[in-house]
Amino acid sequence: MANDERARQHMFQKLDEALGPEAAGTMMEHLPPVPWNELATKQDIAQLAVSTKKDLDQLAASTRKDIEQLEERMSLRQERSEERLLAAFRGELMTAVTAQTRSMLLALVATVVSVGGFMLAAG
């Protein structure tokens, strides 16, 4: 007999007739609402726990690997950014040094020409 609601109701009626409503209700409360073969046992739960732990361990290992790969990519990006920044800084520095050298050279030439002019004028 299938363990559906109609069968449970029929069983309750038979128990009610034989034992009375209170005892029949108590008996029905102790029966599972599903067939016995659908109930989880301690062994089922233990197997599920082992399977879940295995899945979580695999997920943790995968996550660690993903994080390591992400850290490596971030490190490479940081190194490239540092290299670009240093190259830009060196370029700007060289431009500034070149401009400053040009200015100093022009000032030196102007000074030499001025001093030479004063010397000719004085002589």
PDB file of N, CA and C in Angstrom:
ATOM      1  N   MET A   1       0.849  -1.176   0.000  1.00  0.00           N
ATOM      2  CA  MET A   1       0.000   0.000   0.000  1.00  0.00           C
ATOM      3  C   MET A   1       0.897   1.242   0.000  1.00  0.00           C
ATOM      4  N   ALA A   2       0.616   2.160  -0.878  1.00  0.00           N
ATOM      5  CA  ALA A   2       1.408   3.382  -0.984  1.00  0.00           C
ATOM      6  C   ALA A   2       1.192   4.251   0.246  1.00  0.00           C
ATOM      7  N   ASN A   3       2.244   4.961   0.615  1.00  0.00           N
ATOM      8  CA  ASN A   3       2.184   5.804   1.817  1.00  0.00           C
ATOM      9  C   ASN A   3       1.776   7.216   1.416  1.00  0.00           C
ATOM     10  N   ASP A   4       0.575   7.344   0.867  1.00  0.00           N
ATOM     11  CA  ASP A   4       0.081   8.674   0.519  1.00  0.00           C
ATOM     12  C   ASP A   4      -0.938   9.122   1.574  1.00  0.00           C
ATOM     13  N   GLU A   5      -1.469  10.287   1.392  1.00  0.00           N
ATOM     14  CA  GLU A   5      -2.371  10.854   2.405  1.00  0.00           C
ATOM     15  C   GLU A   5      -3.644  10.023   2.562  1.00  0.00           C
ATOM     16  N   ARG A   6      -4.159   9.484   1.496  1.00  0.00           N
ATOM     17  CA  ARG A   6      -5.382   8.674   1.565  1.00  0.00           C
ATOM     18  C   ARG A   6      -5.135   7.404   2.387  1.00  0.00           C
ATOM     19  N   ALA A   7      -3.970   6.774   2.162  1.00  0.00           N
ATOM     20  CA  ALA A   7      -3.636   5.560   2.920  1.00  0.00           C
ATOM     21  C   ALA A   7      -3.446   5.898   4.394  1.00  0.00           C
ATOM     22  N   ARG A   8      -2.825   7.031   4.671  1.00  0.00           N
ATOM     23  CA  ARG A   8      -2.634   7.440   6.080  1.00  0.00           C
ATOM     24  C   ARG A   8      -3.984   7.685   6.756  1.00  0.00           C
ATOM     25  N   GLN A   9      -4.893   8.327   6.033  1.00  0.00           N
ATOM     26  CA  GLN A   9      -6.222   8.593   6.592  1.00  0.00           C
ATOM     27  C   GLN A   9      -6.960   7.280   6.876  1.00  0.00           C
ATOM     28  N   HIS A  10      -6.851   6.317   5.973  1.00  0.00           N
ATOM     29  CA  HIS A  10      -7.487   5.008   6.166  1.00  0.00           C
ATOM     30  C   HIS A  10      -6.909   4.314   7.411  1.00  0.00           C
ATOM     31  N   MET A  11      -5.559   4.388   7.540  1.00  0.00           N
ATOM     32  CA  MET A  11      -4.908   3.777   8.701  1.00  0.00           C
ATOM     33  C   MET A  11      -5.399   4.445   9.992  1.00  0.00           C
ATOM     34  N   PHE A  12      -5.517   5.784   9.964  1.00  0.00           N
ATOM     35  CA  PHE A  12      -5.969   6.497  11.157  1.00  0.00           C
ATOM     36  C   PHE A  12      -7.385   6.048  11.547  1.00  0.00           C
ATOM     37  N   GLN A  13      -8.249   5.902  10.555  1.00  0.00           N
ATOM     38  CA  GLN A  13      -9.633   5.462  10.843  1.00  0.00           C
ATOM     39  C   GLN A  13      -9.639   4.083  11.494  1.00  0.00           C
ATOM     40  N   LYS A  14      -8.815   3.160  10.985  1.00  0.00           N
ATOM     41  CA  LYS A  14      -8.766   1.811  11.550  1.00  0.00           C
ATOM     42  C   LYS A  14      -8.211   1.843  12.980  1.00  0.00           C
ATOM     43  N   LEU A  15      -7.162   2.672  13.192  1.00  0.00           N
ATOM     44  CA  LEU A  15      -6.605   2.789  14.546  1.00  0.00           C
ATOM     45  C   LEU A  15      -7.617   3.443  15.484  1.00  0.00           C
ATOM     46  N   ASP A  16      -8.334   4.432  14.985  1.00  0.00           N
ATOM     47  CA  ASP A  16      -9.341   5.127  15.786  1.00  0.00           C
ATOM     48  C   ASP A  16     -10.418   4.153  16.242  1.00  0.00           C
ATOM     49  N   GLU A  17     -10.839   3.275  15.321  1.00  0.00           N
ATOM     50  CA  GLU A  17     -11.856   2.282  15.664  1.00  0.00           C
ATOM     51  C   GLU A  17     -11.329   1.281  16.699  1.00  0.00           C
ATOM     52  N   ALA A  18     -10.045   0.915  16.557  1.00  0.00           N
ATOM     53  CA  ALA A  18      -9.485  -0.118  17.431  1.00  0.00           C
ATOM     54  C   ALA A  18      -8.996   0.448  18.760  1.00  0.00           C
ATOM     55  N   LEU A  19      -8.361   1.644  18.744  1.00  0.00           N
ATOM     56  CA  LEU A  19      -7.707   2.158  19.947  1.00  0.00           C
ATOM     57  C   LEU A  19      -8.341   3.426  20.515  1.00  0.00           C
ATOM     58  N   GLY A  20      -9.118   4.110  19.717  1.00  0.00           N
ATOM     59  CA  GLY A  20      -9.684   5.383  20.153  1.00  0.00           C
ATOM     60  C   GLY A  20      -8.896   6.537  19.520  1.00  0.00           C
ATOM     61  N   PRO A  21      -9.499   7.737  19.516  1.00  0.00           N
ATOM     62  CA  PRO A  21      -8.886   8.864  18.799  1.00  0.00           C
ATOM     63  C   PRO A  21      -7.554   9.321  19.390  1.00  0.00           C
ATOM     64  N   GLU A  22      -7.419   9.315  20.699  1.00  0.00           N
ATOM     65  CA  GLU A  22      -6.178   9.796  21.315  1.00  0.00           C
ATOM     66  C   GLU A  22      -5.014   8.870  20.987  1.00  0.00           C
ATOM     67  N   ALA A  23      -5.201   7.572  21.163  1.00  0.00           N
ATOM     68  CA  ALA A  23      -4.148   6.604  20.869  1.00  0.00           C
ATOM     69  C   ALA A  23      -3.854   6.566  19.372  1.00  0.00           C
ATOM     70  N   ALA A  24      -4.890   6.691  18.539  1.00  0.00           N
ATOM     71  CA  ALA A  24      -4.696   6.686  17.085  1.00  0.00           C
ATOM     72  C   ALA A  24      -3.868   7.910  16.673  1.00  0.00           C
ATOM     73  N   GLY A  25      -4.164   9.077  17.266  1.00  0.00           N
ATOM     74  CA  GLY A  25      -3.403  10.299  16.969  1.00  0.00           C
ATOM     75  C   GLY A  25      -1.950  10.156  17.381  1.00  0.00           C
ATOM     76  N   THR A  26      -1.715   9.566  18.572  1.00  0.00           N
ATOM     77  CA  THR A  26      -0.356   9.366  19.060  1.00  0.00           C
ATOM     78  C   THR A  26       0.405   8.429  18.120  1.00  0.00           C
ATOM     79  N   MET A  27      -0.244   7.356  17.688  1.00  0.00           N
ATOM     80  CA  MET A  27       0.403   6.408  16.767  1.00  0.00           C
ATOM     81  C   MET A  27       0.759   7.090  15.445  1.00  0.00           C
ATOM     82  N   MET A  28      -0.156   7.878  14.930  1.00  0.00           N
ATOM     83  CA  MET A  28       0.085   8.530  13.633  1.00  0.00           C
ATOM     84  C   MET A  28       1.203   9.576  13.728  1.00  0.00           C
ATOM     85  N   GLU A  29       1.323  10.209  14.889  1.00  0.00           N
ATOM     86  CA  GLU A  29       2.389  11.204  15.067  1.00  0.00           C
ATOM     87  C   GLU A  29       3.766  10.547  15.028  1.00  0.00           C
ATOM     88  N   HIS A  30       3.847   9.278  15.398  1.00  0.00           N
ATOM     89  CA  HIS A  30       5.126   8.580  15.422  1.00  0.00           C
ATOM     90  C   HIS A  30       5.500   7.975  14.065  1.00  0.00           C
ATOM     91  N   LEU A  31       4.618   8.042  13.098  1.00  0.00           N
ATOM     92  CA  LEU A  31       4.912   7.525  11.768  1.00  0.00           C
ATOM     93  C   LEU A  31       5.411   8.664  10.885  1.00  0.00           C
ATOM     94  N   PRO A  32       6.402   8.403  10.046  1.00  0.00           N
ATOM     95  CA  PRO A  32       6.912   9.464   9.177  1.00  0.00           C
ATOM     96  C   PRO A  32       5.878   9.820   8.105  1.00  0.00           C
ATOM     97  N   PRO A  33       5.888  11.049   7.643  1.00  0.00           N
ATOM     98  CA  PRO A  33       4.932  11.474   6.622  1.00  0.00           C
ATOM     99  C   PRO A  33       5.310  10.990   5.217  1.00  0.00           C
ATOM    100  N   VAL A  34       6.448  10.328   5.096  1.00  0.00           N
ATOM    101  CA  VAL A  34       6.911   9.787   3.811  1.00  0.00           C
ATOM    102  C   VAL A  34       7.223   8.316   4.002  1.00  0.00           C
ATOM    103  N   PRO A  35       7.387   7.566   2.915  1.00  0.00           N
ATOM    104  CA  PRO A  35       7.729   6.139   3.070  1.00  0.00           C
ATOM    105  C   PRO A  35       9.065   5.988   3.795  1.00  0.00           C
ATOM    106  N   TRP A  36       9.208   4.877   4.476  1.00  0.00           N
ATOM    107  CA  TRP A  36      10.413   4.626   5.271  1.00  0.00           C
ATOM    108  C   TRP A  36      11.682   4.664   4.416  1.00  0.00           C
ATOM    109  N   ASN A  37      11.603   4.206   3.178  1.00  0.00           N
ATOM    110  CA  ASN A  37      12.798   4.173   2.333  1.00  0.00           C
ATOM    111  C   ASN A  37      13.233   5.572   1.882  1.00  0.00           C
ATOM    112  N   GLU A  38      12.411   6.579   2.118  1.00  0.00           N
ATOM    113  CA  GLU A  38      12.783   7.948   1.756  1.00  0.00           C
ATOM    114  C   GLU A  38      13.374   8.734   2.931  1.00  0.00           C
ATOM    115  N   LEU A  39      13.396   8.134   4.098  1.00  0.00           N
ATOM    116  CA  LEU A  39      13.963   8.805   5.267  1.00  0.00           C
ATOM    117  C   LEU A  39      15.486   8.729   5.227  1.00  0.00           C
ATOM    118  N   ALA A  40      16.136   9.797   5.656  1.00  0.00           N
ATOM    119  CA  ALA A  40      17.599   9.816   5.720  1.00  0.00           C
ATOM    120  C   ALA A  40      18.065   9.101   6.986  1.00  0.00           C
ATOM    121  N   THR A  41      19.088   8.280   6.811  1.00  0.00           N
ATOM    122  CA  THR A  41      19.663   7.584   7.957  1.00  0.00           C
ATOM    123  C   THR A  41      20.924   8.328   8.397  1.00  0.00           C
ATOM    124  N   LYS A  42      21.464   7.918   9.538  1.00  0.00           N
ATOM    125  CA  LYS A  42      22.724   8.513   9.998  1.00  0.00           C
ATOM    126  C   LYS A  42      23.826   8.252   8.989  1.00  0.00           C
ATOM    127  N   GLN A  43      23.788   7.078   8.378  1.00  0.00           N
ATOM    128  CA  GLN A  43      24.791   6.735   7.364  1.00  0.00           C
ATOM    129  C   GLN A  43      24.643   7.652   6.139  1.00  0.00           C
ATOM    130  N   ASP A  44      23.409   7.923   5.731  1.00  0.00           N
ATOM    131  CA  ASP A  44      23.178   8.852   4.612  1.00  0.00           C
ATOM    132  C   ASP A  44      23.758  10.225   4.931  1.00  0.00           C
ATOM    133  N   ILE A  45      23.527  10.677   6.137  1.00  0.00           N
ATOM    134  CA  ILE A  45      24.011  12.000   6.545  1.00  0.00           C
ATOM    135  C   ILE A  45      25.534  12.014   6.630  1.00  0.00           C
ATOM    136  N   ALA A  46      26.123  10.924   7.134  1.00  0.00           N
ATOM    137  CA  ALA A  46      27.585  10.832   7.218  1.00  0.00           C
ATOM    138  C   ALA A  46      28.199  10.845   5.815  1.00  0.00           C
ATOM    139  N   GLN A  47      27.596  10.124   4.876  1.00  0.00           N
ATOM    140  CA  GLN A  47      28.094  10.119   3.498  1.00  0.00           C
ATOM    141  C   GLN A  47      27.962  11.506   2.874  1.00  0.00           C
ATOM    142  N   LEU A  48      26.865  12.163   3.159  1.00  0.00           N
ATOM    143  CA  LEU A  48      26.670  13.524   2.648  1.00  0.00           C
ATOM    144  C   LEU A  48      27.710  14.468   3.245  1.00  0.00           C
ATOM    145  N   ALA A  49      28.029  14.291   4.515  1.00  0.00           N
ATOM    146  CA  ALA A  49      29.040  15.132   5.158  1.00  0.00           C
ATOM    147  C   ALA A  49      30.408  14.924   4.513  1.00  0.00           C
ATOM    148  N   VAL A  50      30.764  13.673   4.238  1.00  0.00           N
ATOM    149  CA  VAL A  50      32.044  13.375   3.589  1.00  0.00           C
ATOM    150  C   VAL A  50      32.073  13.990   2.199  1.00  0.00           C
ATOM    151  N   SER A  51      31.000  13.820   1.454  1.00  0.00           N
ATOM    152  CA  SER A  51      30.920  14.374   0.103  1.00  0.00           C
ATOM    153  C   SER A  51      30.992  15.902   0.124  1.00  0.00           C
ATOM    154  N   THR A  52      30.301  16.513   1.072  1.00  0.00           N
ATOM    155  CA  THR A  52      30.313  17.980   1.189  1.00  0.00           C
ATOM    156  C   THR A  52      31.693  18.477   1.566  1.00  0.00           C
ATOM    157  N   LYS A  53      32.364  17.774   2.495  1.00  0.00           N
ATOM    158  CA  LYS A  53      33.723  18.175   2.881  1.00  0.00           C
ATOM    159  C   LYS A  53      34.663  18.079   1.695  1.00  0.00           C
ATOM    160  N   LYS A  54      34.540  17.018   0.915  1.00  0.00           N
ATOM    161  CA  LYS A  54      35.375  16.853  -0.270  1.00  0.00           C
ATOM    162  C   LYS A  54      35.131  18.006  -1.248  1.00  0.00           C
ATOM    163  N   ASP A  55      33.866  18.333  -1.470  1.00  0.00           N
ATOM    164  CA  ASP A  55      33.531  19.443  -2.371  1.00  0.00           C
ATOM    165  C   ASP A  55      34.100  20.760  -1.856  1.00  0.00           C
ATOM    166  N   LEU A  56      33.990  20.995  -0.550  1.00  0.00           N
ATOM    167  CA  LEU A  56      34.508  22.234   0.035  1.00  0.00           C
ATOM    168  C   LEU A  56      36.032  22.291  -0.045  1.00  0.00           C
ATOM    169  N   ASP A  57      36.693  21.145   0.168  1.00  0.00           N
ATOM    170  CA  ASP A  57      38.155  21.102   0.049  1.00  0.00           C
ATOM    171  C   ASP A  57      38.589  21.418  -1.378  1.00  0.00           C
ATOM    172  N   GLN A  58      37.886  20.858  -2.360  1.00  0.00           N
ATOM    173  CA  GLN A  58      38.201  21.139  -3.761  1.00  0.00           C
ATOM    174  C   GLN A  58      37.969  22.614  -4.085  1.00  0.00           C
ATOM    175  N   LEU A  59      36.883  23.154  -3.552  1.00  0.00           N
ATOM    176  CA  LEU A  59      36.584  24.573  -3.776  1.00  0.00           C
ATOM    177  C   LEU A  59      37.655  25.452  -3.136  1.00  0.00           C
ATOM    178  N   ALA A  60      38.091  25.092  -1.939  1.00  0.00           N
ATOM    179  CA  ALA A  60      39.134  25.867  -1.256  1.00  0.00           C
ATOM    180  C   ALA A  60      40.437  25.822  -2.042  1.00  0.00           C
ATOM    181  N   ALA A  61      40.805  24.637  -2.534  1.00  0.00           N
ATOM    182  CA  ALA A  61      42.044  24.505  -3.318  1.00  0.00           C
ATOM    183  C   ALA A  61      41.947  25.318  -4.601  1.00  0.00           C
ATOM    184  N   SER A  62      40.814  25.258  -5.253  1.00  0.00           N
ATOM    185  CA  SER A  62      40.606  26.023  -6.484  1.00  0.00           C
ATOM    186  C   SER A  62      40.656  27.523  -6.210  1.00  0.00           C
ATOM    187  N   THR A  63      40.054  27.928  -5.106  1.00  0.00           N
ATOM    188  CA  THR A  63      40.052  29.347  -4.740  1.00  0.00           C
ATOM    189  C   THR A  63      41.465  29.826  -4.429  1.00  0.00           C
ATOM    190  N   ARG A  64      42.240  29.003  -3.696  1.00  0.00           N
ATOM    191  CA  ARG A  64      43.638  29.365  -3.412  1.00  0.00           C
ATOM    192  C   ARG A  64      44.429  29.526  -4.705  1.00  0.00           C
ATOM    193  N   LYS A  65      44.232  28.604  -5.630  1.00  0.00           N
ATOM    194  CA  LYS A  65      44.934  28.673  -6.916  1.00  0.00           C
ATOM    195  C   LYS A  65      44.537  29.946  -7.663  1.00  0.00           C
ATOM    196  N   ASP A  66      43.246  30.244  -7.690  1.00  0.00           N
ATOM    197  CA  ASP A  66      42.772  31.461  -8.363  1.00  0.00           C
ATOM    198  C   ASP A  66      43.366  32.712  -7.728  1.00  0.00           C
ATOM    199  N   ILE A  67      43.448  32.730  -6.405  1.00  0.00           N
ATOM    200  CA  ILE A  67      44.008  33.894  -5.697  1.00  0.00           C
ATOM    201  C   ILE A  67      45.490  34.030  -6.011  1.00  0.00           C
ATOM    202  N   GLU A  68      46.216  32.913  -6.042  1.00  0.00           N
ATOM    203  CA  GLU A  68      47.646  32.963  -6.370  1.00  0.00           C
ATOM    204  C   GLU A  68      47.854  33.502  -7.780  1.00  0.00           C
ATOM    205  N   GLN A  69      47.035  33.043  -8.724  1.00  0.00           N
ATOM    206  CA  GLN A  69      47.144  33.530 -10.100  1.00  0.00           C
ATOM    207  C   GLN A  69      46.821  35.022 -10.172  1.00  0.00           C
ATOM    208  N   LEU A  70      45.811  35.439  -9.426  1.00  0.00           N
ATOM    209  CA  LEU A  70      45.439  36.855  -9.397  1.00  0.00           C
ATOM    210  C   LEU A  70      46.563  37.689  -8.796  1.00  0.00           C
ATOM    211  N   GLU A  71      47.169  37.196  -7.707  1.00  0.00           N
ATOM    212  CA  GLU A  71      48.288  37.913  -7.097  1.00  0.00           C
ATOM    213  C   GLU A  71      49.451  38.044  -8.069  1.00  0.00           C
ATOM    214  N   GLU A  72      49.712  36.976  -8.824  1.00  0.00           N
ATOM    215  CA  GLU A  72      50.806  37.011  -9.803  1.00  0.00           C
ATOM    216  C   GLU A  72      50.519  38.040 -10.897  1.00  0.00           C
ATOM    217  N   ARG A  73      49.284  38.035 -11.413  1.00  0.00           N
ATOM    218  CA  ARG A  73      48.923  39.016 -12.448  1.00  0.00           C
ATOM    219  C   ARG A  73      49.006  40.435 -11.916  1.00  0.00           C
ATOM    220  N   MET A  74      48.541  40.638 -10.684  1.00  0.00           N
ATOM    221  CA  MET A  74      48.586  41.983 -10.089  1.00  0.00           C
ATOM    222  C   MET A  74      50.030  42.432  -9.893  1.00  0.00           C
ATOM    223  N   SER A  75      50.907  41.512  -9.497  1.00  0.00           N
ATOM    224  CA  SER A  75      52.312  41.833  -9.303  1.00  0.00           C
ATOM    225  C   SER A  75      52.945  42.241 -10.632  1.00  0.00           C
ATOM    226  N   LEU A  76      52.640  41.495 -11.702  1.00  0.00           N
ATOM    227  CA  LEU A  76      53.173  41.833 -13.022  1.00  0.00           C
ATOM    228  C   LEU A  76      52.658  43.198 -13.486  1.00  0.00           C
ATOM    229  N   ARG A  77      51.388  43.461 -13.247  1.00  0.00           N
ATOM    230  CA  ARG A  77      50.831  44.770 -13.625  1.00  0.00           C
ATOM    231  C   ARG A  77      51.504  45.889 -12.845  1.00  0.00           C
ATOM    232  N   GLN A  78      51.740  45.656 -11.568  1.00  0.00           N
ATOM    233  CA  GLN A  78      52.397  46.667 -10.741  1.00  0.00           C
ATOM    234  C   GLN A  78      53.809  46.928 -11.242  1.00  0.00           C
ATOM    235  N   GLU A  79      54.532  45.851 -11.583  1.00  0.00           N
ATOM    236  CA  GLU A  79      55.890  46.014 -12.100  1.00  0.00           C
ATOM    237  C   GLU A  79      55.881  46.808 -13.401  1.00  0.00           C
ATOM    238  N   ARG A  80      54.942  46.486 -14.299  1.00  0.00           N
ATOM    239  CA  ARG A  80      54.859  47.224 -15.569  1.00  0.00           C
ATOM    240  C   ARG A  80      54.515  48.688 -15.318  1.00  0.00           C
ATOM    241  N   SER A  81      53.622  48.940 -14.382  1.00  0.00           N
ATOM    242  CA  SER A  81      53.258  50.326 -14.058  1.00  0.00           C
ATOM    243  C   SER A  81      54.463  51.081 -13.506  1.00  0.00           C
ATOM    244  N   GLU A  82      55.221  50.416 -12.633  1.00  0.00           N
ATOM    245  CA  GLU A  82      56.416  51.046 -12.071  1.00  0.00           C
ATOM    246  C   GLU A  82      57.432  51.356 -13.179  1.00  0.00           C
ATOM    247  N   GLU A  83      57.601  50.407 -14.109  1.00  0.00           N
ATOM    248  CA  GLU A  83      58.537  50.616 -15.211  1.00  0.00           C
ATOM    249  C   GLU A  83      58.098  51.786 -16.088  1.00  0.00           C
ATOM    250  N   ARG A  84      56.795  51.860 -16.389  1.00  0.00           N
ATOM    251  CA  ARG A  84      56.291  52.979 -17.204  1.00  0.00           C
ATOM    252  C   ARG A  84      56.464  54.300 -16.475  1.00  0.00           C
ATOM    253  N   LEU A  85      56.199  54.299 -15.178  1.00  0.00           N
ATOM    254  CA  LEU A  85      56.340  55.519 -14.385  1.00  0.00           C
ATOM    255  C   LEU A  85      57.798  55.966 -14.341  1.00  0.00           C
ATOM    256  N   LEU A  86      58.701  55.023 -14.127  1.00  0.00           N
ATOM    257  CA  LEU A  86      60.129  55.364 -14.110  1.00  0.00           C
ATOM    258  C   LEU A  86      60.582  55.877 -15.470  1.00  0.00           C
ATOM    259  N   ALA A  87      60.118  55.250 -16.545  1.00  0.00           N
ATOM    260  CA  ALA A  87      60.483  55.700 -17.892  1.00  0.00           C
ATOM    261  C   ALA A  87      59.969  57.115 -18.132  1.00  0.00           C
ATOM    262  N   ALA A  88      58.756  57.385 -17.725  1.00  0.00           N
ATOM    263  CA  ALA A  88      58.189  58.732 -17.892  1.00  0.00           C
ATOM    264  C   ALA A  88      58.966  59.735 -17.049  1.00  0.00           C
ATOM    265  N   PHE A  89      59.308  59.357 -15.817  1.00  0.00           N
ATOM    266  CA  PHE A  89      60.064  60.250 -14.938  1.00  0.00           C
ATOM    267  C   PHE A  89      61.441  60.541 -15.540  1.00  0.00           C
ATOM    268  N   ARG A  90      62.102  59.483 -16.033  1.00  0.00           N
ATOM    269  CA  ARG A  90      63.430  59.668 -16.651  1.00  0.00           C
ATOM    270  C   ARG A  90      63.333  60.566 -17.879  1.00  0.00           C
ATOM    271  N   GLY A  91      62.291  60.359 -18.668  1.00  0.00           N
ATOM    272  CA  GLY A  91      62.093  61.195 -19.851  1.00  0.00           C
ATOM    273  C   GLY A  91      61.904  62.656 -19.476  1.00  0.00           C
ATOM    274  N   GLU A  92      61.057  62.892 -18.472  1.00  0.00           N
ATOM    275  CA  GLU A  92      60.821  64.272 -18.014  1.00  0.00           C
ATOM    276  C   GLU A  92      62.096  64.862 -17.424  1.00  0.00           C
ATOM    277  N   LEU A  93      62.832  64.046 -16.675  1.00  0.00           N
ATOM    278  CA  LEU A  93      64.077  64.510 -16.064  1.00  0.00           C
ATOM    279  C   LEU A  93      65.089  64.876 -17.139  1.00  0.00           C
ATOM    280  N   MET A  94      65.208  64.021 -18.154  1.00  0.00           N
ATOM    281  CA  MET A  94      66.154  64.302 -19.235  1.00  0.00           C
ATOM    282  C   MET A  94      65.749  65.558 -19.997  1.00  0.00           C
ATOM    283  N   THR A  95      64.458  65.739 -20.199  1.00  0.00           N
ATOM    284  CA  THR A  95      63.980  66.941 -20.880  1.00  0.00           C
ATOM    285  C   THR A  95      64.324  68.176 -20.053  1.00  0.00           C
ATOM    286  N   ALA A  96      64.110  68.087 -18.746  1.00  0.00           N
ATOM    287  CA  ALA A  96      64.412  69.218 -17.862  1.00  0.00           C
ATOM    288  C   ALA A  96      65.914  69.487 -17.826  1.00  0.00           C
ATOM    289  N   VAL A  97      66.719  68.431 -17.735  1.00  0.00           N
ATOM    290  CA  VAL A  97      68.174  68.594 -17.695  1.00  0.00           C
ATOM    291  C   VAL A  97      68.665  69.189 -19.011  1.00  0.00           C
ATOM    292  N   THR A  98      68.135  68.717 -20.108  1.00  0.00           N
ATOM    293  CA  THR A  98      68.533  69.242 -21.420  1.00  0.00           C
ATOM    294  C   THR A  98      68.180  70.718 -21.524  1.00  0.00           C
ATOM    295  N   ALA A  99      66.983  71.071 -21.108  1.00  0.00           N
ATOM    296  CA  ALA A  99      66.562  72.476 -21.157  1.00  0.00           C
ATOM    297  C   ALA A  99      67.425  73.321 -20.236  1.00  0.00           C
ATOM    298  N   GLN A 100      67.718  72.804 -19.053  1.00  0.00           N
ATOM    299  CA  GLN A 100      68.539  73.540 -18.100  1.00  0.00           C
ATOM    300  C   GLN A 100      69.967  73.694 -18.631  1.00  0.00           C
ATOM    301  N   THR A 101      70.495  72.636 -19.234  1.00  0.00           N
ATOM    302  CA  THR A 101      71.851  72.692 -19.803  1.00  0.00           C
ATOM    303  C   THR A 101      71.894  73.720 -20.929  1.00  0.00           C
ATOM    304  N   ARG A 102      70.893  73.729 -21.780  1.00  0.00           N
ATOM    305  CA  ARG A 102      70.820  74.693 -22.866  1.00  0.00           C
ATOM    306  C   ARG A 102      70.794  76.119 -22.313  1.00  0.00           C
ATOM    307  N   SER A 103      69.974  76.319 -21.274  1.00  0.00           N
ATOM    308  CA  SER A 103      69.875  77.662 -20.664  1.00  0.00           C
ATOM    309  C   SER A 103      71.209  78.085 -20.061  1.00  0.00           C
ATOM    310  N   MET A 104      71.867  77.167 -19.355  1.00  0.00           N
ATOM    311  CA  MET A 104      73.161  77.473 -18.734  1.00  0.00           C
ATOM    312  C   MET A 104      74.206  77.788 -19.801  1.00  0.00           C
ATOM    313  N   LEU A 105      74.197  77.022 -20.889  1.00  0.00           N
ATOM    314  CA  LEU A 105      75.156  77.227 -21.962  1.00  0.00           C
ATOM    315  C   LEU A 105      74.952  78.591 -22.620  1.00  0.00           C
ATOM    316  N   LEU A 106      73.688  78.919 -22.870  1.00  0.00           N
ATOM    317  CA  LEU A 106      73.384  80.229 -23.454  1.00  0.00           C
ATOM    318  C   LEU A 106      73.796  81.363 -22.507  1.00  0.00           C
ATOM    319  N   ALA A 107      73.552  81.173 -21.221  1.00  0.00           N
ATOM    320  CA  ALA A 107      73.928  82.201 -20.241  1.00  0.00           C
ATOM    321  C   ALA A 107      75.441  82.347 -20.189  1.00  0.00           C
ATOM    322  N   LEU A 108      76.154  81.220 -20.262  1.00  0.00           N
ATOM    323  CA  LEU A 108      77.608  81.243 -20.234  1.00  0.00           C
ATOM    324  C   LEU A 108      78.167  81.947 -21.482  1.00  0.00           C
ATOM    325  N   VAL A 109      77.603  81.625 -22.648  1.00  0.00           N
ATOM    326  CA  VAL A 109      78.037  82.273 -23.890  1.00  0.00           C
ATOM    327  C   VAL A 109      77.747  83.766 -23.814  1.00  0.00           C
ATOM    328  N   ALA A 110      76.590  84.129 -23.314  1.00  0.00           N
ATOM    329  CA  ALA A 110      76.242  85.551 -23.194  1.00  0.00           C
ATOM    330  C   ALA A 110      77.203  86.253 -22.243  1.00  0.00           C
ATOM    331  N   THR A 111      77.574  85.575 -21.173  1.00  0.00           N
ATOM    332  CA  THR A 111      78.514  86.168 -20.214  1.00  0.00           C
ATOM    333  C   THR A 111      79.881  86.361 -20.859  1.00  0.00           C
ATOM    334  N   VAL A 112      80.329  85.354 -21.579  1.00  0.00           N
ATOM    335  CA  VAL A 112      81.634  85.444 -22.234  1.00  0.00           C
ATOM    336  C   VAL A 112      81.625  86.579 -23.269  1.00  0.00           C
ATOM    337  N   VAL A 113      80.563  86.667 -24.043  1.00  0.00           N
ATOM    338  CA  VAL A 113      80.461  87.732 -25.052  1.00  0.00           C
ATOM    339  C   VAL A 113      80.421  89.100 -24.367  1.00  0.00           C
ATOM    340  N   SER A 114      79.677  89.198 -23.275  1.00  0.00           N
ATOM    341  CA  SER A 114      79.596  90.475 -22.554  1.00  0.00           C
ATOM    342  C   SER A 114      80.954  90.868 -21.995  1.00  0.00           C
ATOM    343  N   VAL A 115      81.628  89.928 -21.363  1.00  0.00           N
ATOM    344  CA  VAL A 115      82.950  90.216 -20.788  1.00  0.00           C
ATOM    345  C   VAL A 115      83.918  90.588 -21.924  1.00  0.00           C
ATOM    346  N   GLY A 116      83.826  89.878 -23.024  1.00  0.00           N
ATOM    347  CA  GLY A 116      84.694  90.193 -24.173  1.00  0.00           C
ATOM    348  C   GLY A 116      84.416  91.592 -24.707  1.00  0.00           C
ATOM    349  N   GLY A 117      83.142  91.947 -24.737  1.00  0.00           N
ATOM    350  CA  GLY A 117      82.762  93.296 -25.193  1.00  0.00           C
ATOM    351  C   GLY A 117      83.299  94.364 -24.255  1.00  0.00           C
ATOM    352  N   PHE A 118      83.211  94.122 -22.962  1.00  0.00           N
ATOM    353  CA  PHE A 118      83.748  95.080 -21.985  1.00  0.00           C
ATOM    354  C   PHE A 118      85.264  95.210 -22.134  1.00  0.00           C
ATOM    355  N   MET A 119      85.909  94.094 -22.412  1.00  0.00           N
ATOM    356  CA  MET A 119      87.367  94.121 -22.536  1.00  0.00           C
ATOM    357  C   MET A 119      87.782  94.900 -23.786  1.00  0.00           C
ATOM    358  N   LEU A 120      87.036  94.730 -24.861  1.00  0.00           N
ATOM    359  CA  LEU A 120      87.352  95.488 -26.081  1.00  0.00           C
ATOM    360  C   LEU A 120      87.092  96.979 -25.864  1.00  0.00           C
ATOM    361  N   ALA A 121      86.005  97.231 -25.161  1.00  0.00           N
ATOM    362  CA  ALA A 121      85.663  98.635 -24.918  1.00  0.00           C
ATOM    363  C   ALA A 121      86.686  99.274 -23.987  1.00  0.00           C
ATOM    364  N   ALA A 122      87.202  98.544 -23.065  1.00  0.00           N
ATOM    365  CA  ALA A 122      88.132  99.088 -22.091  1.00  0.00           C
ATOM    366  C   ALA A 122      89.533  99.222 -22.726  1.00  0.00           C
ATOM    367  N   GLY A 123      89.777  98.431 -23.732  1.00  0.00           N
ATOM    368  CA  GLY A 123      91.118  98.416 -24.272  1.00  0.00           C
ATOM    369  C   GLY A 123      91.352  99.338 -25.393  1.00  0.00           C
TER     370      GLY A 123
END
